[in-house]
Amino acid sequence: MSKIIIYTQAYNAGETLSVAMDSVLNQTYSDFVYIVLDNGSTDNTADIISEYAQRDKRVVARYESINDKYRYTNIALEYAGMYEDGWMAMLDADDEYYPDFLEKMLAFVIEKELDIAMCCTCAFQESGEYLGRIPVISHNIIMDESGLTEHFHLYSKYLFYWGKFFSFSVLRKCLFENVKKVFVGNDAVFTIEAFGYAQRIGILNENLHRYNFSSNSRSTQYNPKRVEGCAVYCSCLLQLFT
């Protein structure tokens, strides 16, 4: 069976991390390794990770003293180089998987012979208000290289790394040099590069990932580096479709 690596990068996530980790550890499919990294936190994030690692052998705790939001690229390349065959999924420290995320995503990538798979995400406001579903589709969609352009409107606002399965074979081809040029939305640049090496991409018409909107997120804060990041992002998209 293919190796499955789940990765969560946590920075000062003491208020939300337990919910995120529970959503991984309570999956109906249980054969995976869960890498959880404390990314230089100043709150109790490291303690939470340590406690879970002691209770569940599937949790591999990692700790960094200095915060580096691009560290996930190193982790992706590290594990893609470690395992010949398998998949990597990433979950933010304030989001959640629905209980059958792994089971259904694994079945989907195997049946359809996919390099990258996406499920549907349900977005919620901090108050608990339901914001909507991304993408809005009525059936599963399978895209080869020719279908990327045709279906781009479905996932153009869904290029973040969460809610996806990336094959190690695709990740091994990536360099992720452009990721570190983008302050906000760098995970979208990560996904765009991976798309460029994928032969078959699928969208599963199932609500399996919960995105919890946070007013403290970098994506909601103004930063002058956004303009530079948008230029890199658009350049990467242009390369993908030419």
Protein backbone atom coordinates (compact mmCIF):
# COMPACT_ATOMS: atom_id res chain seq x y z
CA MET A 1 0.00 0.00 0.00
CA SER A 2 1.23 3.51 -0.81
CA LYS A 3 2.66 5.58 2.01
CA ILE A 4 0.51 8.49 3.17
CA ILE A 5 2.09 11.47 4.88
CA ILE A 6 -0.06 14.15 6.49
CA TYR A 7 1.67 17.39 7.42
CA THR A 8 0.63 20.25 9.71
CA GLN A 9 2.83 23.29 10.25
CA ALA A 10 1.78 25.11 13.41
CA TYR A 11 2.74 28.56 14.65
CA ASN A 12 1.10 29.84 17.85
CA ALA A 13 -1.83 27.51 17.15
CA GLY A 14 -2.61 26.56 20.73
CA GLU A 15 -6.29 27.46 20.43
CA THR A 16 -7.01 25.39 17.31
CA LEU A 17 -4.35 22.70 16.91
CA SER A 18 -6.07 19.99 18.98
CA VAL A 19 -9.17 20.14 16.79
CA ALA A 20 -7.08 19.89 13.64
CA MET A 21 -5.01 16.99 14.96
CA ASP A 22 -8.06 15.11 16.22
CA SER A 23 -9.61 15.36 12.76
CA VAL A 24 -6.54 13.56 11.35
CA LEU A 25 -6.16 10.94 14.05
CA ASN A 26 -9.86 10.03 13.95
CA GLN A 27 -9.87 9.17 10.23
CA THR A 28 -11.67 6.02 9.07
CA TYR A 29 -8.46 5.12 7.22
CA SER A 30 -5.74 4.81 9.84
CA ASP A 31 -2.54 3.74 8.05
CA PHE A 32 -0.59 7.01 7.77
CA VAL A 33 2.21 9.05 9.31
CA TYR A 34 1.31 12.46 10.70
CA ILE A 35 4.15 15.00 10.76
CA VAL A 36 3.36 17.96 13.03
CA LEU A 37 5.89 20.77 13.21
CA ASP A 38 6.05 23.53 15.81
CA ASN A 39 7.33 26.42 13.73
CA GLY A 40 8.98 28.54 16.41
CA SER A 41 5.83 29.15 18.46
CA THR A 42 5.79 31.25 21.63
CA ASP A 43 2.60 29.74 23.07
CA ASN A 44 1.78 26.15 24.13
CA THR A 45 1.81 24.70 20.58
CA ALA A 46 4.95 22.62 21.23
CA ASP A 47 3.41 21.12 24.38
CA ILE A 48 0.28 20.07 22.50
CA ILE A 49 2.32 18.37 19.78
CA SER A 50 4.47 16.58 22.35
CA GLU A 51 1.42 15.32 24.22
CA TYR A 52 -0.19 13.91 21.06
CA ALA A 53 3.09 12.27 19.97
CA GLN A 54 3.30 10.45 23.29
CA ARG A 55 -0.27 9.16 22.95
CA ASP A 56 -0.26 8.15 19.27
CA LYS A 57 2.72 6.57 17.50
CA ARG A 58 1.50 7.87 14.13
CA VAL A 59 2.36 11.43 15.21
CA VAL A 60 5.93 12.49 14.47
CA ALA A 61 6.75 15.68 16.37
CA ARG A 62 9.21 18.16 14.94
CA TYR A 63 10.33 21.43 16.48
CA GLU A 64 12.00 24.52 15.04
CA SER A 65 13.24 27.45 17.12
CA ILE A 66 12.82 30.04 14.34
CA ASN A 67 9.58 30.64 12.46
CA ASP A 68 9.86 29.98 8.74
CA LYS A 69 6.55 29.85 6.88
CA TYR A 70 8.20 28.27 3.83
CA ARG A 71 9.38 25.21 5.75
CA TYR A 72 6.67 23.00 4.27
CA THR A 73 8.51 22.97 0.94
CA ASN A 74 11.52 21.32 2.60
CA ILE A 75 9.25 18.79 4.31
CA ALA A 76 7.52 17.93 1.03
CA LEU A 77 10.81 17.34 -0.76
CA GLU A 78 12.23 15.42 2.19
CA TYR A 79 9.44 12.87 2.31
CA ALA A 80 9.06 12.65 -1.46
CA GLY A 81 12.71 11.65 -1.54
CA MET A 82 12.24 9.19 1.28
CA TYR A 83 9.39 7.17 -0.27
CA GLU A 84 9.19 5.97 -3.86
CA ASP A 85 5.43 5.56 -3.90
CA GLY A 86 2.87 7.50 -1.92
CA TRP A 87 0.97 10.66 -1.21
CA MET A 88 1.26 13.83 0.82
CA ALA A 89 -1.59 15.93 2.20
CA MET A 90 -1.30 19.17 4.16
CA LEU A 91 -3.66 20.48 6.80
CA ASP A 92 -3.47 23.96 8.31
CA ALA A 93 -3.39 24.09 12.09
CA ASP A 94 -6.80 25.79 12.23
CA ASP A 95 -8.63 23.62 9.67
CA GLU A 96 -10.17 20.13 9.79
CA TYR A 97 -10.62 16.97 7.73
CA TYR A 98 -13.96 15.22 7.72
CA PRO A 99 -13.61 11.64 9.05
CA ASP A 100 -13.49 9.90 5.66
CA PHE A 101 -11.10 12.32 3.91
CA LEU A 102 -8.22 9.85 3.66
CA GLU A 103 -10.36 6.83 2.81
CA LYS A 104 -12.18 8.52 -0.06
CA MET A 105 -9.21 10.45 -1.42
CA LEU A 106 -7.00 7.35 -1.50
CA ALA A 107 -9.69 5.34 -3.30
CA PHE A 108 -10.14 8.19 -5.78
CA VAL A 109 -6.45 8.56 -6.71
CA ILE A 110 -6.01 4.81 -7.10
CA GLU A 111 -9.16 4.22 -9.17
CA LYS A 112 -8.54 7.18 -11.48
CA GLU A 113 -4.73 6.86 -11.58
CA LEU A 114 -4.19 10.48 -10.54
CA ASP A 115 -1.07 12.50 -9.83
CA ILE A 116 -2.96 15.13 -7.81
CA ALA A 117 -6.45 14.95 -6.33
CA MET A 118 -8.67 17.62 -4.80
CA CYS A 119 -11.81 17.28 -2.74
CA CYS A 120 -14.42 19.95 -2.08
CA THR A 121 -13.88 22.35 0.80
CA CYS A 122 -16.55 23.81 3.05
CA ALA A 123 -15.64 27.29 4.32
CA PHE A 124 -16.82 28.62 7.68
CA GLN A 125 -16.62 32.01 9.36
CA GLU A 126 -15.12 32.26 12.85
CA SER A 127 -18.66 32.56 14.20
CA GLY A 128 -19.52 29.19 12.68
CA GLU A 129 -21.47 30.70 9.79
CA TYR A 130 -21.28 28.60 6.62
CA LEU A 131 -19.67 30.60 3.81
CA GLY A 132 -19.93 28.15 0.93
CA ARG A 133 -18.36 25.28 -0.97
CA ILE A 134 -15.26 25.32 -3.16
CA PRO A 135 -15.40 24.35 -5.97
CA VAL A 136 -19.09 24.21 -6.88
CA ILE A 137 -19.43 21.04 -8.96
CA SER A 138 -22.07 18.35 -9.44
CA HIS A 139 -19.86 15.41 -10.44
CA ASN A 140 -16.26 14.19 -10.30
CA ILE A 141 -13.93 15.81 -12.82
CA ILE A 142 -10.79 14.23 -14.27
CA MET A 143 -8.35 16.48 -16.13
CA ASP A 144 -5.40 15.59 -18.27
CA GLU A 145 -3.08 18.28 -19.61
CA SER A 146 -5.63 19.41 -22.18
CA GLY A 147 -8.34 19.77 -19.55
CA LEU A 148 -6.50 22.20 -17.28
CA THR A 149 -7.52 25.23 -19.33
CA GLU A 150 -11.10 24.04 -19.84
CA HIS A 151 -11.72 23.55 -16.13
CA PHE A 152 -9.53 26.32 -14.73
CA HIS A 153 -12.55 28.40 -13.68
CA LEU A 154 -13.49 25.65 -11.20
CA TYR A 155 -10.30 25.78 -9.20
CA SER A 156 -8.77 29.21 -9.95
CA LYS A 157 -9.66 30.29 -6.40
CA TYR A 158 -8.69 26.92 -4.98
CA LEU A 159 -4.99 26.64 -5.68
CA PHE A 160 -3.93 26.38 -2.04
CA TYR A 161 -2.31 23.14 -0.91
CA TRP A 162 -5.03 22.13 1.55
CA GLY A 163 -7.72 19.61 0.62
CA LYS A 164 -5.40 17.85 -1.82
CA PHE A 165 -3.33 14.69 -2.35
CA PHE A 166 0.05 15.23 -4.02
CA SER A 167 1.89 12.17 -5.33
CA PHE A 168 5.52 11.86 -4.29
CA SER A 169 6.43 11.30 -7.95
CA VAL A 170 5.19 14.82 -8.77
CA LEU A 171 6.75 16.46 -5.71
CA ARG A 172 10.16 14.99 -6.55
CA LYS A 173 10.17 16.97 -9.80
CA CYS A 174 9.53 20.30 -8.08
CA LEU A 175 12.09 22.87 -6.93
CA PHE A 176 9.69 25.36 -5.28
CA GLU A 177 12.11 28.24 -5.81
CA ASN A 178 9.27 30.66 -6.64
CA VAL A 179 7.40 29.77 -3.46
CA LYS A 180 9.85 31.74 -1.33
CA LYS A 181 9.34 34.83 -3.48
CA VAL A 182 5.72 35.13 -2.38
CA PHE A 183 4.78 36.39 1.08
CA VAL A 184 1.03 35.75 0.89
CA GLY A 185 -0.36 32.90 -1.19
CA ASN A 186 2.93 31.04 -1.43
CA ASP A 187 1.05 27.76 -1.01
CA ALA A 188 -0.84 28.55 -4.22
CA VAL A 189 2.49 28.90 -6.04
CA PHE A 190 3.45 25.52 -4.53
CA THR A 191 0.31 23.97 -6.01
CA ILE A 192 0.76 25.62 -9.42
CA GLU A 193 4.25 24.17 -9.77
CA ALA A 194 3.01 20.71 -8.79
CA PHE A 195 0.18 21.02 -11.34
CA GLY A 196 2.79 21.67 -14.01
CA TYR A 197 4.29 18.19 -13.48
CA ALA A 198 0.99 16.31 -13.15
CA GLN A 199 -0.41 14.30 -16.03
CA ARG A 200 -3.82 13.64 -14.45
CA ILE A 201 -5.61 15.77 -11.86
CA GLY A 202 -8.98 14.93 -10.33
CA ILE A 203 -11.62 16.85 -8.39
CA LEU A 204 -13.71 14.64 -6.11
CA ASN A 205 -17.29 15.81 -5.64
CA GLU A 206 -17.24 15.23 -1.88
CA ASN A 207 -17.12 17.66 1.05
CA LEU A 208 -14.08 16.33 2.91
CA HIS A 209 -12.17 19.41 4.12
CA ARG A 210 -13.26 22.25 6.39
CA TYR A 211 -11.61 25.65 6.00
CA ASN A 212 -12.03 27.78 9.10
CA PHE A 213 -11.63 31.44 8.21
CA SER A 214 -9.45 33.37 10.65
CA SER A 215 -9.27 37.15 10.92
CA ASN A 216 -5.69 36.74 12.16
CA SER A 217 -4.55 34.92 9.04
CA ARG A 218 -1.79 36.46 6.91
CA SER A 219 -4.15 36.28 3.95
CA THR A 220 -6.45 38.86 5.59
CA GLN A 221 -3.69 41.31 6.52
CA TYR A 222 -2.29 44.04 4.30
CA ASN A 223 1.35 43.75 3.41
CA PRO A 224 3.23 45.69 0.72
CA LYS A 225 4.82 42.43 -0.41
CA ARG A 226 1.44 41.36 -1.79
CA VAL A 227 2.09 43.21 -5.06
CA GLU A 228 5.40 41.44 -5.60
CA GLY A 229 3.74 38.15 -4.76
CA CYS A 230 0.94 38.71 -7.26
CA ALA A 231 3.51 39.27 -10.01
CA VAL A 232 5.21 35.94 -9.21
CA TYR A 233 1.84 34.18 -8.94
CA CYS A 234 0.71 35.44 -12.37
CA SER A 235 4.05 34.52 -13.91
CA CYS A 236 3.72 30.96 -12.59
CA LEU A 237 0.19 30.68 -13.96
CA LEU A 238 1.38 31.87 -17.35
CA GLN A 239 4.06 29.17 -17.40
CA LEU A 240 1.46 26.54 -16.46
CA PHE A 241 -0.81 27.34 -19.40
CA THR A 242 1.78 27.96 -22.11
